[in-house]
PDB file of N, CA and C in Angstrom:
ATOM      1  N   MET A   1     -18.450  28.449  10.489  1.00  0.00           N
ATOM      2  CA  MET A   1     -18.173  28.056   8.841  1.00  0.00           C
ATOM      3  C   MET A   1     -17.379  26.690   8.493  1.00  0.00           C
ATOM      4  N   GLY A   2     -17.878  26.905   7.395  1.00  0.00           N
ATOM      5  CA  GLY A   2     -16.978  25.904   6.323  1.00  0.00           C
ATOM      6  C   GLY A   2     -16.277  25.614   6.132  1.00  0.00           C
ATOM      7  N   LYS A   3     -15.655  24.937   5.139  1.00  0.00           N
ATOM      8  CA  LYS A   3     -14.814  24.322   4.092  1.00  0.00           C
ATOM      9  C   LYS A   3     -15.309  24.651   3.043  1.00  0.00           C
ATOM     10  N   PRO A   4     -14.385  25.777   2.459  1.00  0.00           N
ATOM     11  CA  PRO A   4     -14.659  25.713   1.024  1.00  0.00           C
ATOM     12  C   PRO A   4     -15.172  24.463   0.529  1.00  0.00           C
ATOM     13  N   ALA A   5     -15.901  24.401  -0.592  1.00  0.00           N
ATOM     14  CA  ALA A   5     -16.098  23.288  -1.221  1.00  0.00           C
ATOM     15  C   ALA A   5     -15.106  22.460  -1.697  1.00  0.00           C
ATOM     16  N   ASN A   6     -14.079  23.652  -2.427  1.00  0.00           N
ATOM     17  CA  ASN A   6     -12.540  22.895  -3.316  1.00  0.00           C
ATOM     18  C   ASN A   6     -11.758  22.437  -2.352  1.00  0.00           C
ATOM     19  N   GLN A   7     -11.517  22.420  -0.888  1.00  0.00           N
ATOM     20  CA  GLN A   7     -11.105  21.430  -0.584  1.00  0.00           C
ATOM     21  C   GLN A   7     -11.011  20.643   0.760  1.00  0.00           C
ATOM     22  N   PRO A   8      -9.827  19.777   0.193  1.00  0.00           N
ATOM     23  CA  PRO A   8      -9.838  18.321   0.671  1.00  0.00           C
ATOM     24  C   PRO A   8     -11.017  17.660   2.450  1.00  0.00           C
ATOM     25  N   ALA A   9     -11.128  16.527   2.404  1.00  0.00           N
ATOM     26  CA  ALA A   9     -11.042  15.929   3.746  1.00  0.00           C
ATOM     27  C   ALA A   9      -9.986  16.411   4.467  1.00  0.00           C
ATOM     28  N   GLU A  10      -9.518  16.598   5.567  1.00  0.00           N
ATOM     29  CA  GLU A  10      -8.188  17.098   6.577  1.00  0.00           C
ATOM     30  C   GLU A  10      -8.169  15.552   6.707  1.00  0.00           C
ATOM     31  N   ILE A  11      -7.013  14.833   6.205  1.00  0.00           N
ATOM     32  CA  ILE A  11      -6.222  13.731   7.438  1.00  0.00           C
ATOM     33  C   ILE A  11      -6.756  13.538   8.647  1.00  0.00           C
ATOM     34  N   LYS A  12      -6.934  12.920   9.773  1.00  0.00           N
ATOM     35  CA  LYS A  12      -6.953  13.402  10.879  1.00  0.00           C
ATOM     36  C   LYS A  12      -6.049  11.707  11.636  1.00  0.00           C
ATOM     37  N   PRO A  13      -5.551  12.559  12.553  1.00  0.00           N
ATOM     38  CA  PRO A  13      -4.537  11.271  13.048  1.00  0.00           C
ATOM     39  C   PRO A  13      -5.748  10.063  13.682  1.00  0.00           C
ATOM     40  N   ALA A  14      -5.390   9.485  13.727  1.00  0.00           N
ATOM     41  CA  ALA A  14      -6.640   8.248  14.734  1.00  0.00           C
ATOM     42  C   ALA A  14      -5.859   6.685  14.998  1.00  0.00           C
ATOM     43  N   SER A  15      -6.523   5.866  15.469  1.00  0.00           N
ATOM     44  CA  SER A  15      -6.282   4.200  16.086  1.00  0.00           C
ATOM     45  C   SER A  15      -5.479   4.437  14.673  1.00  0.00           C
ATOM     46  N   PRO A  16      -4.492   2.686  14.667  1.00  0.00           N
ATOM     47  CA  PRO A  16      -4.100   2.626  13.674  1.00  0.00           C
ATOM     48  C   PRO A  16      -5.549   1.587  13.255  1.00  0.00           C
ATOM     49  N   PRO A  17      -5.965   1.188  11.463  1.00  0.00           N
ATOM     50  CA  PRO A  17      -7.445   0.471  11.234  1.00  0.00           C
ATOM     51  C   PRO A  17      -6.926  -0.976  11.872  1.00  0.00           C
ATOM     52  N   LYS A  18      -8.115  -1.929  11.571  1.00  0.00           N
ATOM     53  CA  LYS A  18      -8.226  -3.075  12.564  1.00  0.00           C
ATOM     54  C   LYS A  18      -7.979  -4.090  11.247  1.00  0.00           C
ATOM     55  N   VAL A  19      -7.080  -4.892  10.760  1.00  0.00           N
ATOM     56  CA  VAL A  19      -6.962  -5.266  10.294  1.00  0.00           C
ATOM     57  C   VAL A  19      -6.809  -6.779  10.431  1.00  0.00           C
ATOM     58  N   GLU A  20      -7.366  -8.049   9.475  1.00  0.00           N
ATOM     59  CA  GLU A  20      -7.783  -9.187  10.125  1.00  0.00           C
ATOM     60  C   GLU A  20      -6.308  -9.905  10.135  1.00  0.00           C
ATOM     61  N   PRO A  21      -5.904 -10.749  10.657  1.00  0.00           N
ATOM     62  CA  PRO A  21      -4.850 -11.299  10.663  1.00  0.00           C
ATOM     63  C   PRO A  21      -5.019 -12.203   8.744  1.00  0.00           C
ATOM     64  N   ALA A  22      -3.322 -12.280   8.441  1.00  0.00           N
ATOM     65  CA  ALA A  22      -3.621 -12.906   6.989  1.00  0.00           C
ATOM     66  C   ALA A  22      -3.913 -14.079   7.969  1.00  0.00           C
ATOM     67  N   ALA A  23      -4.370 -14.813   7.224  1.00  0.00           N
ATOM     68  CA  ALA A  23      -4.582 -16.136   6.849  1.00  0.00           C
ATOM     69  C   ALA A  23      -3.684 -17.260   6.954  1.00  0.00           C
ATOM     70  N   GLY A  24      -2.905 -16.674   5.894  1.00  0.00           N
ATOM     71  CA  GLY A  24      -1.017 -17.723   5.738  1.00  0.00           C
ATOM     72  C   GLY A  24      -0.039 -17.102   6.272  1.00  0.00           C
ATOM     73  N   PRO A  25       0.942 -17.228   6.097  1.00  0.00           N
ATOM     74  CA  PRO A  25       2.440 -16.859   5.629  1.00  0.00           C
ATOM     75  C   PRO A  25       2.302 -15.407   5.172  1.00  0.00           C
ATOM     76  N   PRO A  26       2.671 -14.088   6.041  1.00  0.00           N
ATOM     77  CA  PRO A  26       2.717 -12.615   5.519  1.00  0.00           C
ATOM     78  C   PRO A  26       3.671 -12.943   3.503  1.00  0.00           C
ATOM     79  N   VAL A  27       4.520 -13.623   3.472  1.00  0.00           N
ATOM     80  CA  VAL A  27       4.199 -13.273   1.746  1.00  0.00           C
ATOM     81  C   VAL A  27       4.199 -15.345   1.849  1.00  0.00           C
ATOM     82  N   GLU A  28       3.776 -15.241   0.645  1.00  0.00           N
ATOM     83  CA  GLU A  28       3.555 -16.114  -0.787  1.00  0.00           C
ATOM     84  C   GLU A  28       4.635 -16.874  -1.153  1.00  0.00           C
ATOM     85  N   MET A  29       5.894 -17.607  -1.359  1.00  0.00           N
ATOM     86  CA  MET A  29       6.856 -18.320  -1.417  1.00  0.00           C
ATOM     87  C   MET A  29       6.055 -19.004  -2.648  1.00  0.00           C
ATOM     88  N   ASP A  30       5.661 -19.449  -2.750  1.00  0.00           N
ATOM     89  CA  ASP A  30       4.507 -20.600  -3.921  1.00  0.00           C
ATOM     90  C   ASP A  30       4.769 -19.676  -5.400  1.00  0.00           C
ATOM     91  N   ARG A  31       4.324 -18.160  -4.559  1.00  0.00           N
ATOM     92  CA  ARG A  31       3.496 -16.996  -6.221  1.00  0.00           C
ATOM     93  C   ARG A  31       5.046 -16.817  -6.957  1.00  0.00           C
ATOM     94  N   LEU A  32       5.807 -16.610  -5.688  1.00  0.00           N
ATOM     95  CA  LEU A  32       7.126 -15.953  -5.598  1.00  0.00           C
ATOM     96  C   LEU A  32       8.050 -16.780  -7.239  1.00  0.00           C
ATOM     97  N   ASP A  33       7.538 -17.958  -6.833  1.00  0.00           N
ATOM     98  CA  ASP A  33       7.934 -19.626  -7.682  1.00  0.00           C
ATOM     99  C   ASP A  33       7.444 -19.451  -8.689  1.00  0.00           C
ATOM    100  N   ASP A  34       6.487 -19.467  -8.589  1.00  0.00           N
ATOM    101  CA  ASP A  34       5.462 -19.355 -10.379  1.00  0.00           C
ATOM    102  C   ASP A  34       5.696 -18.206 -10.840  1.00  0.00           C
ATOM    103  N   LEU A  35       6.329 -17.177 -10.236  1.00  0.00           N
ATOM    104  CA  LEU A  35       6.628 -16.368 -11.177  1.00  0.00           C
ATOM    105  C   LEU A  35       7.943 -15.983 -11.918  1.00  0.00           C
ATOM    106  N   THR A  36       8.815 -16.652 -11.104  1.00  0.00           N
ATOM    107  CA  THR A  36      10.706 -16.740 -11.516  1.00  0.00           C
ATOM    108  C   THR A  36      10.787 -18.078 -11.868  1.00  0.00           C
ATOM    109  N   ASP A  37       9.573 -19.101 -12.181  1.00  0.00           N
ATOM    110  CA  ASP A  37      10.197 -20.297 -12.131  1.00  0.00           C
ATOM    111  C   ASP A  37      10.753 -20.307 -11.188  1.00  0.00           C
ATOM    112  N   LYS A  38      11.118 -20.582 -10.468  1.00  0.00           N
ATOM    113  CA  LYS A  38      12.540 -20.745  -9.684  1.00  0.00           C
ATOM    114  C   LYS A  38      13.844 -20.414  -9.405  1.00  0.00           C
ATOM    115  N   ASN A  39      13.849 -19.448  -9.835  1.00  0.00           N
ATOM    116  CA  ASN A  39      15.297 -19.356 -10.808  1.00  0.00           C
ATOM    117  C   ASN A  39      15.468 -18.398  -9.434  1.00  0.00           C
ATOM    118  N   GLU A  40      16.715 -18.560  -9.021  1.00  0.00           N
ATOM    119  CA  GLU A  40      16.433 -17.739  -7.838  1.00  0.00           C
ATOM    120  C   GLU A  40      17.524 -16.759  -8.322  1.00  0.00           C
ATOM    121  N   ASN A  41      17.891 -15.791 -10.250  1.00  0.00           N
ATOM    122  CA  ASN A  41      18.876 -14.840  -9.801  1.00  0.00           C
ATOM    123  C   ASN A  41      17.593 -13.810 -10.153  1.00  0.00           C
ATOM    124  N   SER A  42      16.155 -14.534 -10.947  1.00  0.00           N
ATOM    125  CA  SER A  42      15.178 -13.898 -11.344  1.00  0.00           C
ATOM    126  C   SER A  42      14.593 -13.641  -9.641  1.00  0.00           C
ATOM    127  N   LEU A  43      14.337 -14.099  -8.383  1.00  0.00           N
ATOM    128  CA  LEU A  43      13.755 -13.791  -7.568  1.00  0.00           C
ATOM    129  C   LEU A  43      14.323 -12.301  -6.922  1.00  0.00           C
ATOM    130  N   ARG A  44      15.462 -12.615  -7.036  1.00  0.00           N
ATOM    131  CA  ARG A  44      16.289 -11.747  -6.110  1.00  0.00           C
ATOM    132  C   ARG A  44      16.194 -10.164  -7.218  1.00  0.00           C
ATOM    133  N   GLU A  45      15.921 -10.606  -8.492  1.00  0.00           N
ATOM    134  CA  GLU A  45      15.792  -8.418  -9.090  1.00  0.00           C
ATOM    135  C   GLU A  45      14.897  -9.032  -8.717  1.00  0.00           C
ATOM    136  N   LEU A  46      13.871  -9.868  -8.431  1.00  0.00           N
ATOM    137  CA  LEU A  46      11.977  -9.123  -8.541  1.00  0.00           C
ATOM    138  C   LEU A  46      12.158  -8.505  -7.178  1.00  0.00           C
ATOM    139  N   VAL A  47      12.559  -9.789  -6.429  1.00  0.00           N
ATOM    140  CA  VAL A  47      12.538  -8.744  -5.429  1.00  0.00           C
ATOM    141  C   VAL A  47      12.426  -7.027  -4.825  1.00  0.00           C
ATOM    142  N   GLU A  48      14.074  -7.471  -5.686  1.00  0.00           N
ATOM    143  CA  GLU A  48      14.958  -6.030  -4.720  1.00  0.00           C
ATOM    144  C   GLU A  48      14.455  -4.427  -5.750  1.00  0.00           C
ATOM    145  N   MET A  49      13.415  -5.364  -6.867  1.00  0.00           N
ATOM    146  CA  MET A  49      12.547  -4.325  -7.366  1.00  0.00           C
ATOM    147  C   MET A  49      11.298  -3.755  -6.397  1.00  0.00           C
ATOM    148  N   TYR A  50      11.057  -5.361  -6.533  1.00  0.00           N
ATOM    149  CA  TYR A  50      10.118  -4.407  -5.663  1.00  0.00           C
ATOM    150  C   TYR A  50      10.259  -4.251  -4.259  1.00  0.00           C
ATOM    151  N   ILE A  51      10.556  -4.430  -3.037  1.00  0.00           N
ATOM    152  CA  ILE A  51      11.447  -3.275  -2.392  1.00  0.00           C
ATOM    153  C   ILE A  51      11.869  -1.811  -3.097  1.00  0.00           C
ATOM    154  N   LYS A  52      12.638  -1.707  -3.240  1.00  0.00           N
ATOM    155  CA  LYS A  52      12.523  -0.571  -4.016  1.00  0.00           C
ATOM    156  C   LYS A  52      11.256   0.296  -4.673  1.00  0.00           C
ATOM    157  N   GLN A  53      10.885  -0.529  -5.349  1.00  0.00           N
ATOM    158  CA  GLN A  53       9.712   0.006  -5.964  1.00  0.00           C
ATOM    159  C   GLN A  53       8.721   0.546  -4.538  1.00  0.00           C
ATOM    160  N   THR A  54       7.978  -0.617  -3.385  1.00  0.00           N
ATOM    161  CA  THR A  54       7.308   0.264  -2.074  1.00  0.00           C
ATOM    162  C   THR A  54       7.957   1.311  -1.098  1.00  0.00           C
ATOM    163  N   ASP A  55       9.419   0.792  -1.399  1.00  0.00           N
ATOM    164  CA  ASP A  55      10.396   2.389  -0.056  1.00  0.00           C
ATOM    165  C   ASP A  55       9.856   3.390  -0.899  1.00  0.00           C
ATOM    166  N   GLY A  56       9.533   3.363  -2.220  1.00  0.00           N
ATOM    167  CA  GLY A  56       9.301   4.733  -2.834  1.00  0.00           C
ATOM    168  C   GLY A  56       7.964   5.454  -2.662  1.00  0.00           C
ATOM    169  N   GLN A  57       7.237   3.871  -2.769  1.00  0.00           N
ATOM    170  CA  GLN A  57       6.262   4.213  -2.741  1.00  0.00           C
ATOM    171  C   GLN A  57       5.512   4.983  -0.889  1.00  0.00           C
ATOM    172  N   PHE A  58       6.272   3.808  -0.004  1.00  0.00           N
ATOM    173  CA  PHE A  58       5.862   4.429   1.242  1.00  0.00           C
ATOM    174  C   PHE A  58       7.027   6.151   1.597  1.00  0.00           C
ATOM    175  N   GLU A  59       7.444   6.601   0.355  1.00  0.00           N
ATOM    176  CA  GLU A  59       7.605   7.991   0.629  1.00  0.00           C
ATOM    177  C   GLU A  59       6.805   8.975   0.248  1.00  0.00           C
ATOM    178  N   GLN A  60       6.699   8.394  -0.587  1.00  0.00           N
ATOM    179  CA  GLN A  60       4.890   9.423  -1.127  1.00  0.00           C
ATOM    180  C   GLN A  60       3.811   9.496  -0.319  1.00  0.00           C
ATOM    181  N   LEU A  61       3.348   8.602   0.361  1.00  0.00           N
ATOM    182  CA  LEU A  61       2.565   7.645   1.376  1.00  0.00           C
ATOM    183  C   LEU A  61       2.413   8.868   2.007  1.00  0.00           C
ATOM    184  N   GLN A  62       4.221   8.458   2.885  1.00  0.00           N
ATOM    185  CA  GLN A  62       4.490  10.153   4.522  1.00  0.00           C
ATOM    186  C   GLN A  62       3.629  10.970   3.374  1.00  0.00           C
ATOM    187  N   LYS A  63       4.705  11.953   2.850  1.00  0.00           N
ATOM    188  CA  LYS A  63       4.710  13.207   2.223  1.00  0.00           C
ATOM    189  C   LYS A  63       3.526  13.492   1.696  1.00  0.00           C
ATOM    190  N   ALA A  64       2.264  12.862   1.022  1.00  0.00           N
ATOM    191  CA  ALA A  64       1.179  12.967   0.558  1.00  0.00           C
ATOM    192  C   ALA A  64      -0.051  13.055   2.064  1.00  0.00           C
ATOM    193  N   ILE A  65       0.173  12.319   3.832  1.00  0.00           N
ATOM    194  CA  ILE A  65      -0.192  12.634   4.769  1.00  0.00           C
ATOM    195  C   ILE A  65       0.022  13.426   5.625  1.00  0.00           C
ATOM    196  N   THR A  66       1.267  14.353   5.307  1.00  0.00           N
ATOM    197  CA  THR A  66       1.909  15.259   5.786  1.00  0.00           C
ATOM    198  C   THR A  66       1.250  16.648   4.933  1.00  0.00           C
ATOM    199  N   ALA A  67       1.258  16.395   3.456  1.00  0.00           N
ATOM    200  CA  ALA A  67       0.735  17.560   2.712  1.00  0.00           C
ATOM    201  C   ALA A  67      -1.100  17.179   2.619  1.00  0.00           C
ATOM    202  N   ASN A  68      -2.191  16.230   3.419  1.00  0.00           N
ATOM    203  CA  ASN A  68      -3.168  16.675   4.099  1.00  0.00           C
ATOM    204  C   ASN A  68      -3.558  16.328   2.310  1.00  0.00           C
ATOM    205  N   GLN A  69      -3.320  14.881   1.232  1.00  0.00           N
ATOM    206  CA  GLN A  69      -3.760  14.843   0.383  1.00  0.00           C
ATOM    207  C   GLN A  69      -4.220  13.377   0.641  1.00  0.00           C
ATOM    208  N   PRO A  70      -5.491  13.338   1.077  1.00  0.00           N
ATOM    209  CA  PRO A  70      -5.696  11.979   0.621  1.00  0.00           C
ATOM    210  C   PRO A  70      -5.975  11.142  -0.599  1.00  0.00           C
ATOM    211  N   ALA A  71      -6.497  11.907  -1.929  1.00  0.00           N
ATOM    212  CA  ALA A  71      -6.650  11.700  -3.002  1.00  0.00           C
ATOM    213  C   ALA A  71      -5.530  10.791  -2.823  1.00  0.00           C
ATOM    214  N   GLU A  72      -4.470  11.609  -3.227  1.00  0.00           N
ATOM    215  CA  GLU A  72      -2.934  10.369  -2.806  1.00  0.00           C
ATOM    216  C   GLU A  72      -2.283   9.466  -1.811  1.00  0.00           C
ATOM    217  N   VAL A  73      -3.232   9.787  -1.247  1.00  0.00           N
ATOM    218  CA  VAL A  73      -3.103   9.120   0.038  1.00  0.00           C
ATOM    219  C   VAL A  73      -3.818   7.188  -0.761  1.00  0.00           C
ATOM    220  N   ARG A  74      -4.869   6.858  -0.864  1.00  0.00           N
ATOM    221  CA  ARG A  74      -5.769   6.562  -2.095  1.00  0.00           C
ATOM    222  C   ARG A  74      -4.765   6.043  -2.518  1.00  0.00           C
ATOM    223  N   ARG A  75      -4.888   7.211  -3.646  1.00  0.00           N
ATOM    224  CA  ARG A  75      -3.804   5.819  -4.885  1.00  0.00           C
ATOM    225  C   ARG A  75      -2.437   5.963  -4.754  1.00  0.00           C
ATOM    226  N   VAL A  76      -1.298   5.703  -3.583  1.00  0.00           N
ATOM    227  CA  VAL A  76      -0.521   4.650  -3.307  1.00  0.00           C
ATOM    228  C   VAL A  76      -0.762   3.533  -3.017  1.00  0.00           C
ATOM    229  N   ALA A  77      -1.660   4.399  -2.370  1.00  0.00           N
ATOM    230  CA  ALA A  77      -2.010   2.948  -1.234  1.00  0.00           C
ATOM    231  C   ALA A  77      -2.515   2.246  -1.534  1.00  0.00           C
ATOM    232  N   HIS A  78      -2.965   2.191  -2.941  1.00  0.00           N
ATOM    233  CA  HIS A  78      -4.210   1.438  -4.212  1.00  0.00           C
ATOM    234  C   HIS A  78      -2.925   0.623  -4.965  1.00  0.00           C
ATOM    235  N   SER A  79      -2.131   1.427  -5.577  1.00  0.00           N
ATOM    236  CA  SER A  79      -0.450   0.818  -6.491  1.00  0.00           C
ATOM    237  C   SER A  79      -0.337   0.068  -5.769  1.00  0.00           C
ATOM    238  N   CYS A  80       0.291  -0.056  -4.024  1.00  0.00           N
ATOM    239  CA  CYS A  80       1.108  -0.421  -3.347  1.00  0.00           C
ATOM    240  C   CYS A  80       0.555  -2.285  -2.492  1.00  0.00           C
ATOM    241  N   ALA A  81      -0.639  -1.569  -2.405  1.00  0.00           N
ATOM    242  CA  ALA A  81      -2.354  -2.981  -2.302  1.00  0.00           C
ATOM    243  C   ALA A  81      -1.893  -4.262  -3.612  1.00  0.00           C
ATOM    244  N   GLY A  82      -1.912  -3.882  -4.719  1.00  0.00           N
ATOM    245  CA  GLY A  82      -2.274  -4.079  -6.186  1.00  0.00           C
ATOM    246  C   GLY A  82      -1.017  -4.445  -5.999  1.00  0.00           C
ATOM    247  N   SER A  83       0.477  -4.233  -6.459  1.00  0.00           N
ATOM    248  CA  SER A  83       1.473  -4.776  -6.430  1.00  0.00           C
ATOM    249  C   SER A  83       1.899  -6.038  -5.057  1.00  0.00           C
ATOM    250  N   SER A  84       1.856  -5.666  -4.450  1.00  0.00           N
ATOM    251  CA  SER A  84       2.170  -6.319  -3.042  1.00  0.00           C
ATOM    252  C   SER A  84       1.918  -8.211  -2.828  1.00  0.00           C
ATOM    253  N   SER A  85       0.235  -7.725  -3.556  1.00  0.00           N
ATOM    254  CA  SER A  85      -1.212  -8.893  -3.726  1.00  0.00           C
ATOM    255  C   SER A  85      -0.612  -9.467  -4.937  1.00  0.00           C
ATOM    256  N   THR A  86       0.012  -9.494  -5.797  1.00  0.00           N
ATOM    257  CA  THR A  86       0.673  -9.463  -7.397  1.00  0.00           C
ATOM    258  C   THR A  86       1.410 -10.391  -6.656  1.00  0.00           C
ATOM    259  N   LEU A  87       2.559 -10.225  -5.875  1.00  0.00           N
ATOM    260  CA  LEU A  87       3.557 -11.236  -5.742  1.00  0.00           C
ATOM    261  C   LEU A  87       4.132 -11.649  -4.232  1.00  0.00           C
ATOM    262  N   GLY A  88       2.720 -11.783  -4.117  1.00  0.00           N
ATOM    263  CA  GLY A  88       2.551 -12.415  -2.865  1.00  0.00           C
ATOM    264  C   GLY A  88       3.073 -12.360  -1.254  1.00  0.00           C
ATOM    265  N   MET A  89       2.806 -10.700  -0.830  1.00  0.00           N
ATOM    266  CA  MET A  89       3.012 -10.205  -0.314  1.00  0.00           C
ATOM    267  C   MET A  89       1.778  -9.484   0.684  1.00  0.00           C
ATOM    268  N   MET A  90       1.129 -10.414   0.754  1.00  0.00           N
ATOM    269  CA  MET A  90      -0.347 -10.340   1.313  1.00  0.00           C
ATOM    270  C   MET A  90      -0.634 -10.020   2.522  1.00  0.00           C
ATOM    271  N   ARG A  91       0.235 -10.044   3.364  1.00  0.00           N
ATOM    272  CA  ARG A  91       0.492  -8.642   5.137  1.00  0.00           C
ATOM    273  C   ARG A  91       0.115  -7.555   4.619  1.00  0.00           C
ATOM    274  N   LEU A  92       1.313  -7.359   3.880  1.00  0.00           N
ATOM    275  CA  LEU A  92       1.127  -5.285   3.245  1.00  0.00           C
ATOM    276  C   LEU A  92       0.366  -5.268   2.203  1.00  0.00           C
ATOM    277  N   GLY A  93      -0.201  -6.272   1.613  1.00  0.00           N
ATOM    278  CA  GLY A  93      -0.961  -5.800   0.737  1.00  0.00           C
ATOM    279  C   GLY A  93      -3.112  -5.468   1.242  1.00  0.00           C
ATOM    280  N   GLN A  94      -2.940  -6.030   2.175  1.00  0.00           N
ATOM    281  CA  GLN A  94      -4.006  -6.333   3.293  1.00  0.00           C
ATOM    282  C   GLN A  94      -3.826  -4.639   4.479  1.00  0.00           C
ATOM    283  N   LEU A  95      -2.350  -4.354   4.268  1.00  0.00           N
ATOM    284  CA  LEU A  95      -1.939  -2.785   5.378  1.00  0.00           C
ATOM    285  C   LEU A  95      -2.519  -2.269   4.780  1.00  0.00           C
ATOM    286  N   MET A  96      -2.054  -1.672   2.742  1.00  0.00           N
ATOM    287  CA  MET A  96      -2.125  -0.796   1.985  1.00  0.00           C
ATOM    288  C   MET A  96      -3.424  -0.693   1.655  1.00  0.00           C
ATOM    289  N   ARG A  97      -4.855  -2.050   1.517  1.00  0.00           N
ATOM    290  CA  ARG A  97      -6.237  -2.037   1.299  1.00  0.00           C
ATOM    291  C   ARG A  97      -6.634  -1.313   2.136  1.00  0.00           C
ATOM    292  N   ALA A  98      -6.963  -1.490   3.416  1.00  0.00           N
ATOM    293  CA  ALA A  98      -6.923  -0.859   4.219  1.00  0.00           C
ATOM    294  C   ALA A  98      -6.874   0.597   5.266  1.00  0.00           C
ATOM    295  N   LEU A  99      -5.939   1.139   4.426  1.00  0.00           N
ATOM    296  CA  LEU A  99      -4.956   2.126   4.408  1.00  0.00           C
ATOM    297  C   LEU A  99      -5.889   3.359   3.563  1.00  0.00           C
ATOM    298  N   GLU A 100      -5.963   2.266   2.336  1.00  0.00           N
ATOM    299  CA  GLU A 100      -6.980   3.034   1.220  1.00  0.00           C
ATOM    300  C   GLU A 100      -8.460   3.834   1.165  1.00  0.00           C
ATOM    301  N   LYS A 101      -8.727   2.331   2.187  1.00  0.00           N
ATOM    302  CA  LYS A 101     -10.278   2.672   2.414  1.00  0.00           C
ATOM    303  C   LYS A 101     -10.591   4.480   3.384  1.00  0.00           C
ATOM    304  N   ARG A 102     -10.341   4.242   4.611  1.00  0.00           N
ATOM    305  CA  ARG A 102      -9.568   4.534   5.314  1.00  0.00           C
ATOM    306  C   ARG A 102      -9.300   6.185   5.074  1.00  0.00           C
ATOM    307  N   ALA A 103      -8.720   6.549   4.242  1.00  0.00           N
ATOM    308  CA  ALA A 103      -8.601   7.449   3.818  1.00  0.00           C
ATOM    309  C   ALA A 103      -9.655   8.772   3.352  1.00  0.00           C
ATOM    310  N   PRO A 104     -10.148   9.527   3.740  1.00  0.00           N
ATOM    311  CA  PRO A 104     -11.380  10.085   3.693  1.00  0.00           C
ATOM    312  C   PRO A 104     -11.603  10.981   2.124  1.00  0.00           C
ATOM    313  N   ARG A 105     -12.637  10.896   1.522  1.00  0.00           N
ATOM    314  CA  ARG A 105     -13.245  11.242   0.193  1.00  0.00           C
ATOM    315  C   ARG A 105     -13.155  12.282   0.684  1.00  0.00           C
ATOM    316  N   ALA A 106     -13.915  13.426  -0.430  1.00  0.00           N
ATOM    317  CA  ALA A 106     -13.653  15.603  -0.270  1.00  0.00           C
ATOM    318  C   ALA A 106     -14.996  14.639  -0.217  1.00  0.00           C
ATOM    319  N   GLY A 107     -15.760  16.096   0.012  1.00  0.00           N
ATOM    320  CA  GLY A 107     -17.218  15.942  -0.342  1.00  0.00           C
ATOM    321  C   GLY A 107     -18.046  16.446   0.570  1.00  0.00           C
TER     322      GLY A 107
END
């Protein structure tokens, strides 16, 4: 007997997704310099804000995975990938895109 149609697909543990190594450095400092006009205080504020936001997203991801909520995993991973890529955190952006694609869709 199958699952009721309204239940999400179960998130199953699997081997980590294969992600190609980033072509460049894990952090593109030029992008951060552009965003902050090379101002050390602005850079510090931006990085602290990013770390706080990303830490919260990691907590959300952990809860969504534990609660078997693939739609929430995709949503949070997508958001984290976007902010990471925007700020030049390319490696983390790649990993979050892979996680976003890996979370099963209902249906």
